[in-house]
């Protein structure tokens, strides 16, 4: 059996195919033929270099994919007040609504801070006015700085939950009327606007993360 036949069998073995010769016979020939040994080494090296080559570079399409798959309203993000693309976006509507709710809440707080709260003592009026003032200021800050929305959301959610529970119990027991509790609706409206703004700001944060260069280096996602 000539070397060419052994080399065909070796080549088939490297490619994972049946070379038509028993491997024991091929191995025995390699032990006695330096030329075939050298040929087998070269063939193995060439085959490995072809199979384990560098991958061709591809462009990073993360930002484009994120932008294309996001809802049209969400793609607008939490843009600035003056940006034409921000008008009528969820973030713009939420911030404008928070400004209006903050102003209305402030108008309710001033009389209470002056002790003019019908049906309540001066001390209770002052406490209620302080809460209303704090809520008004908090909503105003979020309207001006949307990134603060997530921090304000749990506080307003707890306040709204407490109001909902106490209002329901008091109305059920006949201690108050639904119309009297109507001003508390501002807290519920503020909660809804905060949730909308928090959702939009969070998407914008992830969109900026996707566009950043560190997305290709395995950096952890922002919380």
N, C-alpha and C. Protein backbone atom coordinates (compact mmCIF):
# COMPACT_ATOMS: atom_id res chain seq x y z
N UNK A 1 0.86 -1.19 0.00
CA UNK A 1 0.00 0.00 0.00
C UNK A 1 0.89 1.24 0.00
N UNK A 2 0.69 2.12 -0.96
CA UNK A 2 1.55 3.29 -1.11
C UNK A 2 1.17 4.39 -0.14
N UNK A 3 2.11 5.35 0.00
CA UNK A 3 1.88 6.46 0.94
C UNK A 3 0.65 7.28 0.56
N UNK A 4 0.39 7.42 -0.76
CA UNK A 4 -0.76 8.21 -1.19
C UNK A 4 -2.06 7.64 -0.64
N UNK A 5 -2.16 6.32 -0.59
CA UNK A 5 -3.37 5.70 -0.05
C UNK A 5 -3.49 5.96 1.44
N UNK A 6 -2.35 5.88 2.15
CA UNK A 6 -2.39 6.17 3.59
C UNK A 6 -2.77 7.64 3.84
N UNK A 7 -2.26 8.52 2.98
CA UNK A 7 -2.55 9.93 3.18
C UNK A 7 -4.03 10.24 2.92
N UNK A 8 -4.63 9.55 1.96
CA UNK A 8 -6.06 9.71 1.74
C UNK A 8 -6.85 9.26 2.96
N UNK A 9 -6.39 8.17 3.59
CA UNK A 9 -7.06 7.68 4.79
C UNK A 9 -6.88 8.65 5.95
N UNK A 10 -5.68 9.23 6.04
CA UNK A 10 -5.43 10.22 7.10
C UNK A 10 -6.30 11.45 6.89
N UNK A 11 -6.39 11.92 5.64
CA UNK A 11 -7.21 13.09 5.33
C UNK A 11 -8.68 12.84 5.67
N UNK A 12 -9.16 11.63 5.34
CA UNK A 12 -10.54 11.29 5.68
C UNK A 12 -10.75 11.27 7.19
N UNK A 13 -9.76 10.75 7.91
CA UNK A 13 -9.86 10.70 9.37
C UNK A 13 -9.94 12.11 9.96
N UNK A 14 -9.13 13.02 9.44
CA UNK A 14 -9.14 14.40 9.93
C UNK A 14 -10.51 15.05 9.69
N UNK A 15 -11.13 14.73 8.55
CA UNK A 15 -12.44 15.29 8.21
C UNK A 15 -13.59 14.54 8.86
N UNK A 16 -13.27 13.50 9.62
CA UNK A 16 -14.31 12.72 10.27
C UNK A 16 -15.02 11.76 9.35
N UNK A 17 -14.34 11.34 8.30
CA UNK A 17 -14.95 10.44 7.33
C UNK A 17 -14.26 9.07 7.39
N UNK A 18 -14.86 8.13 6.67
CA UNK A 18 -14.28 6.78 6.58
C UNK A 18 -13.24 6.76 5.47
N UNK A 19 -11.97 6.49 5.84
CA UNK A 19 -10.90 6.51 4.85
C UNK A 19 -10.73 5.21 4.10
N UNK A 20 -11.46 4.18 4.42
CA UNK A 20 -11.38 2.91 3.71
C UNK A 20 -10.24 2.02 4.17
N UNK A 21 -9.50 2.43 5.17
CA UNK A 21 -8.40 1.61 5.69
C UNK A 21 -8.53 1.53 7.21
N UNK A 22 -8.11 0.42 7.77
CA UNK A 22 -8.20 0.25 9.20
C UNK A 22 -7.26 1.24 9.89
N UNK A 23 -7.73 1.86 10.95
CA UNK A 23 -6.92 2.86 11.63
C UNK A 23 -5.66 2.24 12.22
N UNK A 24 -5.73 1.01 12.64
CA UNK A 24 -4.53 0.35 13.18
C UNK A 24 -3.44 0.26 12.11
N UNK A 25 -3.86 -0.02 10.87
CA UNK A 25 -2.91 -0.11 9.76
C UNK A 25 -2.29 1.26 9.48
N UNK A 26 -3.14 2.32 9.51
CA UNK A 26 -2.66 3.67 9.26
C UNK A 26 -1.69 4.10 10.36
N UNK A 27 -2.04 3.81 11.61
CA UNK A 27 -1.16 4.18 12.72
C UNK A 27 0.18 3.46 12.64
N UNK A 28 0.14 2.20 12.23
CA UNK A 28 1.39 1.43 12.10
C UNK A 28 2.27 2.02 11.02
N UNK A 29 1.66 2.47 9.91
CA UNK A 29 2.44 3.08 8.83
C UNK A 29 3.05 4.41 9.28
N UNK A 30 2.30 5.21 10.05
CA UNK A 30 2.81 6.51 10.50
C UNK A 30 4.03 6.35 11.40
N UNK A 31 4.07 5.27 12.15
CA UNK A 31 5.20 5.05 13.05
C UNK A 31 6.50 4.77 12.28
N UNK A 32 6.36 4.32 11.03
CA UNK A 32 7.55 3.94 10.26
C UNK A 32 7.83 4.88 9.09
N UNK A 33 6.95 5.89 8.87
CA UNK A 33 7.12 6.77 7.70
C UNK A 33 7.18 8.23 8.14
N UNK A 34 8.38 8.81 8.23
CA UNK A 34 8.50 10.22 8.64
C UNK A 34 7.81 11.18 7.70
N UNK A 35 7.83 10.85 6.36
CA UNK A 35 7.19 11.75 5.40
C UNK A 35 5.68 11.86 5.65
N UNK A 36 5.04 10.72 5.93
CA UNK A 36 3.59 10.73 6.19
C UNK A 36 3.29 11.39 7.54
N UNK A 37 4.19 11.25 8.50
CA UNK A 37 4.01 11.92 9.77
C UNK A 37 3.99 13.43 9.57
N UNK A 38 4.96 13.94 8.80
CA UNK A 38 5.02 15.38 8.54
C UNK A 38 3.79 15.84 7.76
N UNK A 39 3.39 15.02 6.79
CA UNK A 39 2.21 15.38 5.99
C UNK A 39 0.96 15.42 6.87
N UNK A 40 0.81 14.48 7.80
CA UNK A 40 -0.35 14.45 8.69
C UNK A 40 -0.39 15.67 9.59
N UNK A 41 0.80 16.09 10.08
CA UNK A 41 0.84 17.28 10.93
C UNK A 41 0.42 18.52 10.16
N UNK A 42 0.94 18.66 8.93
CA UNK A 42 0.57 19.83 8.12
C UNK A 42 -0.91 19.83 7.79
N UNK A 43 -1.44 18.66 7.44
CA UNK A 43 -2.87 18.58 7.11
C UNK A 43 -3.74 18.92 8.31
N UNK A 44 -3.33 18.45 9.48
CA UNK A 44 -4.09 18.76 10.68
C UNK A 44 -4.06 20.26 10.98
N UNK A 45 -2.90 20.88 10.83
CA UNK A 45 -2.76 22.30 11.09
C UNK A 45 -3.60 23.13 10.15
N UNK A 46 -3.56 22.79 8.85
CA UNK A 46 -4.33 23.54 7.85
C UNK A 46 -5.82 23.40 8.12
N UNK A 47 -6.27 22.17 8.38
CA UNK A 47 -7.70 21.95 8.62
C UNK A 47 -8.17 22.71 9.85
N UNK A 48 -7.36 22.69 10.91
CA UNK A 48 -7.75 23.37 12.14
C UNK A 48 -7.80 24.89 11.95
N UNK A 49 -6.86 25.44 11.19
CA UNK A 49 -6.85 26.89 10.97
C UNK A 49 -8.06 27.33 10.16
N UNK A 50 -8.52 26.46 9.25
CA UNK A 50 -9.70 26.80 8.45
C UNK A 50 -10.96 26.74 9.31
N UNK A 51 -11.03 25.73 10.15
CA UNK A 51 -12.24 25.55 10.96
C UNK A 51 -12.33 26.55 12.11
N UNK A 52 -11.20 26.94 12.66
CA UNK A 52 -11.19 27.82 13.83
C UNK A 52 -10.68 29.20 13.44
N UNK A 53 -11.22 29.77 12.38
CA UNK A 53 -10.83 31.10 11.96
C UNK A 53 -11.57 32.17 12.74
N UNK A 54 -11.09 33.40 12.65
CA UNK A 54 -11.73 34.52 13.32
C UNK A 54 -13.05 34.85 12.65
N UNK A 55 -14.05 35.13 13.47
CA UNK A 55 -15.35 35.50 12.92
C UNK A 55 -15.28 36.89 12.30
N UNK A 56 -16.03 37.08 11.25
CA UNK A 56 -16.05 38.39 10.61
C UNK A 56 -16.76 39.39 11.52
N UNK A 57 -16.23 40.62 11.62
CA UNK A 57 -16.88 41.62 12.48
C UNK A 57 -18.25 42.01 11.93
N UNK A 58 -19.20 42.19 12.83
CA UNK A 58 -20.56 42.59 12.46
C UNK A 58 -20.91 43.86 13.22
N UNK A 59 -21.74 44.72 12.65
CA UNK A 59 -22.11 45.97 13.33
C UNK A 59 -23.00 45.69 14.54
N UNK A 60 -22.92 46.58 15.54
CA UNK A 60 -23.77 46.47 16.73
C UNK A 60 -25.12 47.11 16.43
N UNK A 61 -26.16 46.27 16.33
CA UNK A 61 -27.49 46.75 15.96
C UNK A 61 -28.43 46.82 17.17
N UNK A 62 -27.88 46.80 18.38
CA UNK A 62 -28.72 46.78 19.58
C UNK A 62 -29.65 47.98 19.64
N UNK A 63 -29.09 49.17 19.46
CA UNK A 63 -29.89 50.38 19.57
C UNK A 63 -30.98 50.43 18.51
N UNK A 64 -30.64 50.03 17.29
CA UNK A 64 -31.63 50.05 16.21
C UNK A 64 -32.76 49.07 16.48
N UNK A 65 -32.41 47.89 17.00
CA UNK A 65 -33.44 46.89 17.29
C UNK A 65 -34.33 47.36 18.44
N UNK A 66 -33.72 47.92 19.49
CA UNK A 66 -34.51 48.44 20.60
C UNK A 66 -35.47 49.53 20.14
N UNK A 67 -34.99 50.40 19.27
CA UNK A 67 -35.83 51.49 18.79
C UNK A 67 -36.95 50.98 17.90
N UNK A 68 -36.65 49.96 17.08
CA UNK A 68 -37.65 49.45 16.14
C UNK A 68 -38.73 48.64 16.83
N UNK A 69 -38.38 47.95 17.92
CA UNK A 69 -39.35 47.09 18.60
C UNK A 69 -40.14 47.80 19.67
N UNK A 70 -39.75 49.02 20.06
CA UNK A 70 -40.47 49.75 21.10
C UNK A 70 -41.75 50.34 20.54
N UNK A 71 -42.80 50.53 21.37
CA UNK A 71 -44.01 51.20 20.92
C UNK A 71 -43.70 52.61 20.46
N UNK A 72 -44.47 53.16 19.51
CA UNK A 72 -44.18 54.50 19.01
C UNK A 72 -44.15 55.55 20.11
N UNK A 73 -45.08 55.46 21.06
CA UNK A 73 -45.10 56.47 22.13
C UNK A 73 -43.89 56.34 23.02
N UNK A 74 -43.48 55.10 23.28
CA UNK A 74 -42.33 54.91 24.17
C UNK A 74 -41.05 55.37 23.54
N UNK A 75 -40.97 55.29 22.19
CA UNK A 75 -39.74 55.70 21.52
C UNK A 75 -39.47 57.18 21.70
N UNK A 76 -40.54 57.95 22.00
CA UNK A 76 -40.34 59.38 22.20
C UNK A 76 -39.53 59.65 23.45
N UNK A 77 -39.72 58.78 24.47
CA UNK A 77 -38.94 58.90 25.70
C UNK A 77 -39.33 60.13 26.50
N UNK A 78 -38.55 60.36 27.55
CA UNK A 78 -38.80 61.50 28.43
C UNK A 78 -38.04 62.70 27.90
N UNK A 79 -38.53 63.28 26.84
CA UNK A 79 -37.83 64.37 26.18
C UNK A 79 -38.04 65.66 26.96
N UNK A 80 -37.31 66.68 26.56
CA UNK A 80 -37.37 67.96 27.25
C UNK A 80 -38.68 68.66 26.93
N UNK A 81 -38.98 69.70 27.73
CA UNK A 81 -40.24 70.42 27.55
C UNK A 81 -40.33 71.05 26.17
N UNK A 82 -39.24 71.64 25.70
CA UNK A 82 -39.31 72.39 24.45
C UNK A 82 -39.18 71.55 23.21
N UNK A 83 -38.86 70.28 23.32
CA UNK A 83 -38.65 69.45 22.14
C UNK A 83 -39.98 69.19 21.44
N UNK A 84 -40.00 69.41 20.13
CA UNK A 84 -41.24 69.18 19.38
C UNK A 84 -41.64 67.72 19.38
N UNK A 85 -40.64 66.81 19.46
CA UNK A 85 -40.96 65.39 19.46
C UNK A 85 -41.56 64.94 20.78
N UNK A 86 -41.41 65.77 21.86
CA UNK A 86 -41.94 65.37 23.16
C UNK A 86 -43.40 65.74 23.34
N UNK A 87 -43.94 66.59 22.50
CA UNK A 87 -45.31 67.03 22.66
C UNK A 87 -46.26 65.87 22.44
N UNK A 88 -47.21 65.75 23.37
CA UNK A 88 -48.21 64.68 23.36
C UNK A 88 -47.61 63.31 23.64
N UNK A 89 -46.35 63.23 24.01
CA UNK A 89 -45.78 61.96 24.43
C UNK A 89 -46.26 61.65 25.83
N UNK A 90 -46.23 60.37 26.26
CA UNK A 90 -46.67 60.03 27.62
C UNK A 90 -45.92 60.82 28.69
N UNK A 91 -44.61 60.99 28.51
CA UNK A 91 -43.83 61.72 29.50
C UNK A 91 -44.26 63.18 29.59
N UNK A 92 -44.50 63.81 28.43
CA UNK A 92 -44.91 65.21 28.43
C UNK A 92 -46.26 65.38 29.09
N UNK A 93 -47.21 64.51 28.75
CA UNK A 93 -48.55 64.58 29.33
C UNK A 93 -48.49 64.36 30.84
N UNK A 94 -47.68 63.38 31.27
CA UNK A 94 -47.56 63.10 32.70
C UNK A 94 -46.95 64.29 33.45
N UNK A 95 -45.92 64.89 32.89
CA UNK A 95 -45.27 66.02 33.57
C UNK A 95 -46.20 67.23 33.63
N UNK A 96 -46.92 67.48 32.55
CA UNK A 96 -47.88 68.59 32.56
C UNK A 96 -48.99 68.33 33.57
N UNK A 97 -49.48 67.08 33.60
CA UNK A 97 -50.51 66.73 34.57
C UNK A 97 -50.02 66.88 36.00
N UNK A 98 -48.79 66.50 36.27
CA UNK A 98 -48.23 66.65 37.62
C UNK A 98 -48.10 68.11 38.01
N UNK A 99 -47.78 68.97 37.06
CA UNK A 99 -47.73 70.39 37.36
C UNK A 99 -49.10 70.91 37.78
N UNK A 100 -50.14 70.49 37.05
CA UNK A 100 -51.50 70.95 37.37
C UNK A 100 -51.96 70.38 38.71
N UNK A 101 -51.68 69.10 38.95
CA UNK A 101 -52.06 68.49 40.23
C UNK A 101 -51.31 69.15 41.38
N UNK A 102 -50.05 69.46 41.17
CA UNK A 102 -49.26 70.12 42.20
C UNK A 102 -49.85 71.49 42.54
N UNK A 103 -50.25 72.24 41.51
CA UNK A 103 -50.85 73.55 41.76
C UNK A 103 -52.16 73.45 42.51
N UNK A 104 -53.00 72.47 42.11
CA UNK A 104 -54.28 72.30 42.81
C UNK A 104 -54.07 71.86 44.25
N UNK A 105 -53.08 70.97 44.46
CA UNK A 105 -52.78 70.51 45.81
C UNK A 105 -52.28 71.66 46.68
N UNK A 106 -51.51 72.55 46.10
CA UNK A 106 -51.01 73.71 46.84
C UNK A 106 -52.16 74.65 47.23
N UNK A 107 -53.13 74.79 46.35
CA UNK A 107 -54.29 75.63 46.66
C UNK A 107 -55.09 75.05 47.82
N UNK A 108 -55.12 73.72 47.94
CA UNK A 108 -55.80 73.10 49.07
C UNK A 108 -54.99 73.22 50.36
N UNK A 109 -53.67 73.27 50.21
CA UNK A 109 -52.81 73.28 51.38
C UNK A 109 -52.81 74.64 52.08
N UNK A 110 -52.89 75.73 51.32
CA UNK A 110 -52.77 77.07 51.91
C UNK A 110 -53.86 77.36 52.94
N UNK A 111 -55.15 77.14 52.62
CA UNK A 111 -56.18 77.41 53.64
C UNK A 111 -56.00 76.55 54.89
N UNK A 112 -55.62 75.27 54.69
CA UNK A 112 -55.43 74.40 55.85
C UNK A 112 -54.27 74.88 56.71
N UNK A 113 -53.20 75.34 56.08
CA UNK A 113 -52.07 75.85 56.85
C UNK A 113 -52.45 77.11 57.63
N UNK A 114 -53.46 77.83 57.15
CA UNK A 114 -53.94 79.02 57.85
C UNK A 114 -55.00 78.68 58.89
N UNK A 115 -55.29 77.38 59.04
CA UNK A 115 -56.28 76.95 60.04
C UNK A 115 -57.70 77.04 59.56
N UNK A 116 -57.90 77.20 58.29
CA UNK A 116 -59.26 77.36 57.75
C UNK A 116 -59.71 76.06 57.09
N UNK A 117 -59.92 75.06 57.88
CA UNK A 117 -60.39 73.75 57.39
C UNK A 117 -61.69 73.42 58.11
N UNK A 118 -62.83 73.60 57.44
CA UNK A 118 -64.12 73.37 58.12
C UNK A 118 -64.21 71.95 58.68
N UNK A 119 -64.69 71.85 59.90
CA UNK A 119 -64.88 70.55 60.52
C UNK A 119 -63.65 70.00 61.17
N UNK A 120 -62.54 70.74 61.21
CA UNK A 120 -61.30 70.25 61.84
C UNK A 120 -60.74 71.32 62.75
N UNK A 121 -60.09 70.89 63.81
CA UNK A 121 -59.44 71.84 64.71
C UNK A 121 -58.26 72.49 64.01
N UNK A 122 -57.76 73.56 64.57
CA UNK A 122 -56.63 74.26 63.96
C UNK A 122 -55.42 73.34 63.87
N UNK A 123 -55.18 72.55 64.90
CA UNK A 123 -54.02 71.64 64.89
C UNK A 123 -54.15 70.60 63.78
N UNK A 124 -55.33 69.99 63.66
CA UNK A 124 -55.55 68.99 62.60
C UNK A 124 -55.44 69.65 61.23
N UNK A 125 -55.97 70.87 61.11
CA UNK A 125 -55.88 71.59 59.83
C UNK A 125 -54.44 71.84 59.44
N UNK A 126 -53.63 72.22 60.43
CA UNK A 126 -52.21 72.47 60.15
C UNK A 126 -51.51 71.18 59.69
N UNK A 127 -51.82 70.07 60.33
CA UNK A 127 -51.21 68.80 59.93
C UNK A 127 -51.63 68.41 58.51
N UNK A 128 -52.92 68.53 58.22
CA UNK A 128 -53.40 68.20 56.87
C UNK A 128 -52.80 69.14 55.84
N UNK A 129 -52.68 70.41 56.18
CA UNK A 129 -52.07 71.36 55.25
C UNK A 129 -50.61 71.05 54.99
N UNK A 130 -49.90 70.60 56.04
CA UNK A 130 -48.49 70.23 55.86
C UNK A 130 -48.35 69.04 54.92
N UNK A 131 -49.22 68.04 55.09
CA UNK A 131 -49.18 66.89 54.18
C UNK A 131 -49.49 67.31 52.75
N UNK A 132 -50.50 68.15 52.58
CA UNK A 132 -50.86 68.60 51.24
C UNK A 132 -49.74 69.40 50.61
N UNK A 133 -49.07 70.25 51.42
CA UNK A 133 -47.96 71.04 50.91
C UNK A 133 -46.80 70.12 50.50
N UNK A 134 -46.49 69.13 51.33
CA UNK A 134 -45.40 68.21 51.01
C UNK A 134 -45.70 67.45 49.71
N UNK A 135 -46.94 67.00 49.56
CA UNK A 135 -47.31 66.29 48.33
C UNK A 135 -47.19 67.21 47.12
N UNK A 136 -47.63 68.46 47.26
CA UNK A 136 -47.56 69.41 46.15
C UNK A 136 -46.11 69.65 45.74
N UNK A 137 -45.24 69.84 46.71
CA UNK A 137 -43.82 70.09 46.41
C UNK A 137 -43.19 68.86 45.76
N UNK A 138 -43.51 67.67 46.29
CA UNK A 138 -42.94 66.45 45.72
C UNK A 138 -43.35 66.25 44.27
N UNK A 139 -44.61 66.47 43.96
CA UNK A 139 -45.09 66.32 42.59
C UNK A 139 -44.48 67.37 41.67
N UNK A 140 -44.30 68.58 42.21
CA UNK A 140 -43.68 69.64 41.41
C UNK A 140 -42.24 69.29 41.07
N UNK A 141 -41.49 68.76 42.05
CA UNK A 141 -40.10 68.37 41.80
C UNK A 141 -40.03 67.29 40.73
N UNK A 142 -40.93 66.31 40.79
CA UNK A 142 -40.93 65.23 39.79
C UNK A 142 -41.28 65.77 38.41
N UNK A 143 -42.22 66.71 38.36
CA UNK A 143 -42.57 67.30 37.06
C UNK A 143 -41.38 68.00 36.42
N UNK A 144 -40.55 68.63 37.25
CA UNK A 144 -39.38 69.33 36.73
C UNK A 144 -38.18 68.39 36.54
N UNK A 145 -38.10 67.34 37.36
CA UNK A 145 -37.00 66.39 37.29
C UNK A 145 -37.59 64.98 37.18
N UNK A 146 -37.95 64.52 35.98
CA UNK A 146 -38.65 63.23 35.83
C UNK A 146 -37.88 62.04 36.39
N UNK A 147 -36.55 62.14 36.47
CA UNK A 147 -35.77 61.02 36.99
C UNK A 147 -36.10 60.72 38.45
N UNK A 148 -36.75 61.67 39.17
CA UNK A 148 -37.12 61.47 40.56
C UNK A 148 -38.44 60.71 40.71
N UNK A 149 -39.09 60.38 39.61
CA UNK A 149 -40.43 59.79 39.68
C UNK A 149 -40.44 58.46 40.42
N UNK A 150 -39.45 57.60 40.15
CA UNK A 150 -39.42 56.29 40.79
C UNK A 150 -39.27 56.39 42.30
N UNK A 151 -38.55 57.40 42.79
CA UNK A 151 -38.37 57.57 44.23
C UNK A 151 -39.65 58.08 44.89
N UNK A 152 -40.43 58.85 44.18
CA UNK A 152 -41.66 59.43 44.74
C UNK A 152 -42.83 58.46 44.67
N UNK A 153 -42.78 57.51 43.75
CA UNK A 153 -43.91 56.62 43.51
C UNK A 153 -44.32 55.82 44.74
N UNK A 154 -43.42 55.17 45.50
CA UNK A 154 -43.86 54.38 46.66
C UNK A 154 -44.56 55.24 47.72
N UNK A 155 -44.08 56.46 47.94
CA UNK A 155 -44.69 57.33 48.94
C UNK A 155 -46.12 57.69 48.56
N UNK A 156 -46.32 58.11 47.32
CA UNK A 156 -47.66 58.50 46.88
C UNK A 156 -48.58 57.27 46.82
N UNK A 157 -48.02 56.11 46.46
CA UNK A 157 -48.82 54.89 46.43
C UNK A 157 -49.31 54.53 47.83
N UNK A 158 -48.45 54.67 48.83
CA UNK A 158 -48.85 54.39 50.21
C UNK A 158 -49.90 55.38 50.68
N UNK A 159 -49.72 56.66 50.34
CA UNK A 159 -50.69 57.68 50.71
C UNK A 159 -52.05 57.41 50.06
N UNK A 160 -52.05 57.08 48.78
CA UNK A 160 -53.30 56.81 48.08
C UNK A 160 -53.99 55.57 48.64
N UNK A 161 -53.22 54.55 48.97
CA UNK A 161 -53.81 53.33 49.55
C UNK A 161 -54.45 53.63 50.90
N UNK A 162 -53.75 54.41 51.73
CA UNK A 162 -54.32 54.78 53.02
C UNK A 162 -55.58 55.60 52.88
N UNK A 163 -55.57 56.55 51.96
CA UNK A 163 -56.75 57.38 51.72
C UNK A 163 -57.92 56.54 51.23
N UNK A 164 -57.64 55.62 50.31
CA UNK A 164 -58.71 54.78 49.77
C UNK A 164 -59.35 53.93 50.86
N UNK A 165 -58.54 53.37 51.74
CA UNK A 165 -59.06 52.53 52.81
C UNK A 165 -59.88 53.34 53.81
N UNK A 166 -59.32 54.45 54.30
CA UNK A 166 -60.03 55.25 55.30
C UNK A 166 -61.28 55.90 54.72
N UNK A 167 -61.22 56.35 53.47
CA UNK A 167 -62.40 56.93 52.83
C UNK A 167 -63.51 55.91 52.72
N UNK A 168 -63.16 54.71 52.29
CA UNK A 168 -64.18 53.67 52.14
C UNK A 168 -64.84 53.34 53.48
N UNK A 169 -64.04 53.20 54.52
CA UNK A 169 -64.59 52.88 55.84
C UNK A 169 -65.45 54.03 56.37
N UNK A 170 -65.00 55.26 56.21
CA UNK A 170 -65.75 56.39 56.74
C UNK A 170 -67.06 56.61 55.98
N UNK A 171 -67.01 56.44 54.66
CA UNK A 171 -68.25 56.59 53.88
C UNK A 171 -69.22 55.47 54.23
N UNK A 172 -68.70 54.26 54.39
CA UNK A 172 -69.56 53.12 54.74
C UNK A 172 -70.21 53.31 56.11
N UNK A 173 -69.46 53.91 57.04
CA UNK A 173 -69.98 54.10 58.39
C UNK A 173 -70.82 55.38 58.51
N UNK A 174 -70.91 56.16 57.46
CA UNK A 174 -71.71 57.37 57.49
C UNK A 174 -71.04 58.54 58.17
N UNK A 175 -69.73 58.47 58.38
CA UNK A 175 -69.02 59.57 59.03
C UNK A 175 -68.67 60.69 58.07
N UNK A 176 -68.77 60.45 56.78
CA UNK A 176 -68.49 61.47 55.78
C UNK A 176 -69.23 61.13 54.50
N UNK A 177 -69.18 62.02 53.53
CA UNK A 177 -69.82 61.81 52.24
C UNK A 177 -68.77 61.78 51.13
N UNK A 178 -69.12 61.10 50.05
CA UNK A 178 -68.17 60.96 48.95
C UNK A 178 -67.77 62.32 48.38
N UNK A 179 -68.74 63.26 48.31
CA UNK A 179 -68.44 64.58 47.75
C UNK A 179 -67.43 65.32 48.62
N UNK A 180 -67.49 65.11 49.93
CA UNK A 180 -66.55 65.77 50.83
C UNK A 180 -65.13 65.28 50.63
N UNK A 181 -64.99 64.02 50.21
CA UNK A 181 -63.67 63.42 50.02
C UNK A 181 -63.12 63.63 48.61
N UNK A 182 -63.86 64.35 47.77
CA UNK A 182 -63.44 64.53 46.38
C UNK A 182 -62.05 65.12 46.23
N UNK A 183 -61.63 66.09 47.08
CA UNK A 183 -60.27 66.65 46.91
C UNK A 183 -59.16 65.61 47.00
N UNK A 184 -59.44 64.48 47.69
CA UNK A 184 -58.41 63.45 47.77
C UNK A 184 -58.16 62.78 46.41
N UNK A 185 -59.05 63.03 45.46
CA UNK A 185 -58.84 62.48 44.13
C UNK A 185 -57.56 62.97 43.48
N UNK A 186 -57.06 64.12 43.94
CA UNK A 186 -55.80 64.62 43.41
C UNK A 186 -54.65 63.66 43.70
N UNK A 187 -54.68 63.04 44.87
CA UNK A 187 -53.62 62.08 45.20
C UNK A 187 -53.66 60.87 44.28
N UNK A 188 -54.88 60.40 43.97
CA UNK A 188 -55.01 59.25 43.06
C UNK A 188 -54.58 59.63 41.64
N UNK A 189 -54.95 60.83 41.22
CA UNK A 189 -54.53 61.29 39.90
C UNK A 189 -53.02 61.43 39.84
N UNK A 190 -52.44 61.99 40.89
CA UNK A 190 -50.98 62.12 40.94
C UNK A 190 -50.29 60.77 40.90
N UNK A 191 -50.87 59.76 41.57
CA UNK A 191 -50.29 58.42 41.54
C UNK A 191 -50.28 57.85 40.13
N UNK A 192 -51.38 58.01 39.40
CA UNK A 192 -51.42 57.51 38.02
C UNK A 192 -50.42 58.20 37.12
N UNK A 193 -50.28 59.50 37.27
CA UNK A 193 -49.32 60.24 36.46
C UNK A 193 -47.88 59.86 36.81
N UNK A 194 -47.63 59.63 38.09
CA UNK A 194 -46.30 59.20 38.51
C UNK A 194 -45.95 57.84 37.91
N UNK A 195 -46.92 56.93 37.93
CA UNK A 195 -46.67 55.59 37.36
C UNK A 195 -46.36 55.70 35.87
N UNK A 196 -47.12 56.52 35.16
CA UNK A 196 -46.88 56.69 33.72
C UNK A 196 -45.50 57.27 33.46
N UNK A 197 -45.12 58.26 34.24
CA UNK A 197 -43.82 58.90 34.03
C UNK A 197 -42.68 57.95 34.41
N UNK A 198 -42.85 57.20 35.49
CA UNK A 198 -41.81 56.24 35.90
C UNK A 198 -41.59 55.20 34.81
N UNK A 199 -42.65 54.72 34.22
CA UNK A 199 -42.53 53.72 33.15
C UNK A 199 -41.79 54.29 31.95
N UNK A 200 -42.09 55.53 31.58
CA UNK A 200 -41.45 56.14 30.42
C UNK A 200 -39.98 56.43 30.69
N UNK A 201 -39.66 56.93 31.88
CA UNK A 201 -38.27 57.24 32.23
C UNK A 201 -37.45 55.97 32.29
N UNK A 202 -38.03 54.88 32.80
CA UNK A 202 -37.30 53.61 32.87
C UNK A 202 -36.97 53.10 31.48
N UNK A 203 -37.91 53.22 30.54
CA UNK A 203 -37.62 52.80 29.17
C UNK A 203 -36.49 53.64 28.58
N UNK A 204 -36.55 54.95 28.83
CA UNK A 204 -35.52 55.84 28.28
C UNK A 204 -34.15 55.47 28.83
N UNK A 205 -34.10 55.07 30.12
CA UNK A 205 -32.83 54.68 30.73
C UNK A 205 -32.25 53.44 30.05
N UNK A 206 -33.12 52.45 29.78
CA UNK A 206 -32.65 51.24 29.12
C UNK A 206 -32.28 51.50 27.66
N UNK A 207 -32.99 52.44 27.04
CA UNK A 207 -32.64 52.78 25.66
C UNK A 207 -31.25 53.43 25.61
N UNK A 208 -30.95 54.31 26.58
CA UNK A 208 -29.61 54.92 26.62
C UNK A 208 -28.56 53.87 26.90
N UNK A 209 -28.88 52.92 27.76
CA UNK A 209 -27.93 51.84 28.06
C UNK A 209 -27.64 51.02 26.80
N UNK A 210 -28.69 50.76 26.00
CA UNK A 210 -28.50 49.96 24.79
C UNK A 210 -27.65 50.68 23.76
N UNK A 211 -27.73 52.03 23.77
CA UNK A 211 -26.94 52.79 22.80
C UNK A 211 -25.51 53.02 23.25
N UNK A 212 -25.23 52.79 24.53
CA UNK A 212 -23.90 53.08 25.06
C UNK A 212 -22.89 52.05 24.59
N UNK A 213 -21.60 52.44 24.43
CA UNK A 213 -20.58 51.49 23.97
C UNK A 213 -20.36 50.32 24.91
N UNK A 214 -20.62 50.49 26.24
CA UNK A 214 -20.32 49.41 27.17
C UNK A 214 -21.24 48.22 27.01
N UNK A 215 -22.30 48.31 26.15
CA UNK A 215 -23.17 47.15 25.95
C UNK A 215 -22.42 46.02 25.28
N UNK A 216 -21.26 46.29 24.71
CA UNK A 216 -20.51 45.23 24.03
C UNK A 216 -19.39 44.66 24.89
N UNK A 217 -19.30 45.13 26.16
CA UNK A 217 -18.21 44.66 27.00
C UNK A 217 -18.66 43.82 28.17
N UNK A 218 -19.97 43.50 28.21
CA UNK A 218 -20.48 42.65 29.27
C UNK A 218 -20.76 43.37 30.56
N UNK A 219 -20.87 44.72 30.54
CA UNK A 219 -21.18 45.45 31.74
C UNK A 219 -22.59 45.15 32.18
N UNK A 220 -22.83 45.08 33.47
CA UNK A 220 -24.16 44.74 33.99
C UNK A 220 -25.14 45.83 33.64
N UNK A 221 -26.44 45.44 33.48
CA UNK A 221 -27.48 46.39 33.16
C UNK A 221 -27.76 47.28 34.35
N UNK A 222 -28.20 48.52 34.09
CA UNK A 222 -28.56 49.41 35.19
C UNK A 222 -29.82 48.94 35.87
N UNK A 223 -29.92 49.16 37.19
CA UNK A 223 -31.12 48.74 37.92
C UNK A 223 -32.27 49.70 37.65
